[in-house]
Every structure is written in C-alpha cells, then in structure tokens.
Amino acid sequence: MPPPHRTRPMAALLIFMGVNVALFSTITPVYDFVCFLPYWERRRERRRQEREAGLTDH
C-alpha cells in the first residue's frame, strides 16, 4: 500500500531548522534581557539585607 503523500525529508528538515533558528534568534535577546534585568539584582540585595538584619536581631 503506497503512502498517501510523498514526503520530502530534505524540505521538512530545512523548514524545521528554519523555525528553530527563528525561535532561537527571537528568544536569545529576550532571555538576555530577563537575566540581566536590574530587578533581580535589587531583589537579591534586599534579601541579603533582610537576612543580615535578621541575624543581628536574634
């Protein structure tokens, strides 16, 4: 029984790679932006100060 449609493995691979590259190129700057956001730095600093204040209190 022949397959209902002729598959093109090379075209499928190229499309798959193209989608991956497009996703990667859009996600990378967003990932960098989120990782290096000053919000995380402030939050870490505030938690450290709270921890130190808690140590001096007790």
C-alpha atoms as a PDB file:
ATOM      1  CA  MET A   1       0.000   0.000   0.000  1.00  0.00           C
ATOM      2  CA  PRO A   2       1.655   3.273  -1.090  1.00  0.00           C
ATOM      3  CA  PRO A   3       1.811   6.230   1.282  1.00  0.00           C
ATOM      4  CA  PRO A   4      -0.984   8.789   0.742  1.00  0.00           C
ATOM      5  CA  HIS A   5       1.514  11.597   0.078  1.00  0.00           C
ATOM      6  CA  ARG A   6       5.125  11.794  -0.943  1.00  0.00           C
ATOM      7  CA  THR A   7       7.277  13.002   1.937  1.00  0.00           C
ATOM      8  CA  ARG A   8      10.140  15.407   1.334  1.00  0.00           C
ATOM      9  CA  PRO A   9      12.616  14.781   4.157  1.00  0.00           C
ATOM     10  CA  MET A  10      15.025  17.474   2.970  1.00  0.00           C
ATOM     11  CA  ALA A  11      12.335  20.177   2.772  1.00  0.00           C
ATOM     12  CA  ALA A  12      10.923  19.137   6.137  1.00  0.00           C
ATOM     13  CA  LEU A  13      14.402  19.310   7.669  1.00  0.00           C
ATOM     14  CA  LEU A  14      15.038  22.764   6.196  1.00  0.00           C
ATOM     15  CA  ILE A  15      11.684  24.074   7.433  1.00  0.00           C
ATOM     16  CA  PHE A  16      12.301  22.572  10.870  1.00  0.00           C
ATOM     17  CA  MET A  17      15.771  24.150  11.068  1.00  0.00           C
ATOM     18  CA  GLY A  18      14.417  27.489   9.857  1.00  0.00           C
ATOM     19  CA  VAL A  19      11.734  27.537  12.540  1.00  0.00           C
ATOM     20  CA  ASN A  20      14.310  26.664  15.195  1.00  0.00           C
ATOM     21  CA  VAL A  21      16.652  29.444  14.062  1.00  0.00           C
ATOM     22  CA  ALA A  22      13.806  31.956  14.003  1.00  0.00           C
ATOM     23  CA  LEU A  23      12.692  30.980  17.504  1.00  0.00           C
ATOM     24  CA  PHE A  24      16.246  30.999  18.830  1.00  0.00           C
ATOM     25  CA  SER A  25      17.054  34.408  17.342  1.00  0.00           C
ATOM     26  CA  THR A  26      13.915  35.942  18.879  1.00  0.00           C
ATOM     27  CA  ILE A  27      14.306  34.255  22.272  1.00  0.00           C
ATOM     28  CA  THR A  28      18.017  34.989  22.855  1.00  0.00           C
ATOM     29  CA  PRO A  29      17.718  38.794  23.339  1.00  0.00           C
ATOM     30  CA  VAL A  30      14.610  38.317  25.474  1.00  0.00           C
ATOM     31  CA  TYR A  31      16.457  35.773  27.622  1.00  0.00           C
ATOM     32  CA  ASP A  32      19.439  38.118  27.983  1.00  0.00           C
ATOM     33  CA  PHE A  33      17.143  40.996  28.893  1.00  0.00           C
ATOM     34  CA  VAL A  34      15.331  38.983  31.565  1.00  0.00           C
ATOM     35  CA  CYS A  35      18.546  37.561  33.016  1.00  0.00           C
ATOM     36  CA  PHE A  36      20.332  40.893  33.320  1.00  0.00           C
ATOM     37  CA  LEU A  37      17.335  42.870  34.499  1.00  0.00           C
ATOM     38  CA  PRO A  38      18.278  45.113  37.447  1.00  0.00           C
ATOM     39  CA  TYR A  39      15.150  43.862  39.238  1.00  0.00           C
ATOM     40  CA  TRP A  40      16.892  40.588  40.135  1.00  0.00           C
ATOM     41  CA  GLU A  41      19.924  42.450  41.456  1.00  0.00           C
ATOM     42  CA  ARG A  42      17.764  44.679  43.683  1.00  0.00           C
ATOM     43  CA  ARG A  43      15.781  41.711  44.902  1.00  0.00           C
ATOM     44  CA  ARG A  44      18.926  39.755  45.776  1.00  0.00           C
ATOM     45  CA  GLU A  45      20.370  42.796  47.542  1.00  0.00           C
ATOM     46  CA  ARG A  46      17.155  43.339  49.525  1.00  0.00           C
ATOM     47  CA  ARG A  47      17.014  39.684  50.583  1.00  0.00           C
ATOM     48  CA  ARG A  48      20.640  39.838  51.707  1.00  0.00           C
ATOM     49  CA  GLN A  49      19.927  42.947  53.790  1.00  0.00           C
ATOM     50  CA  GLU A  50      16.866  41.287  55.340  1.00  0.00           C
ATOM     51  CA  ARG A  51      18.929  38.225  56.187  1.00  0.00           C
ATOM     52  CA  GLU A  52      21.662  40.333  57.783  1.00  0.00           C
ATOM     53  CA  ALA A  53      19.058  42.340  59.730  1.00  0.00           C
ATOM     54  CA  GLY A  54      17.545  39.063  60.913  1.00  0.00           C
ATOM     55  CA  LEU A  55      20.947  37.829  62.077  1.00  0.00           C
ATOM     56  CA  THR A  56      21.670  40.993  64.058  1.00  0.00           C
ATOM     57  CA  ASP A  57      18.214  40.952  65.671  1.00  0.00           C
ATOM     58  CA  HIS A  58      18.423  37.432  67.099  1.00  0.00           C
END
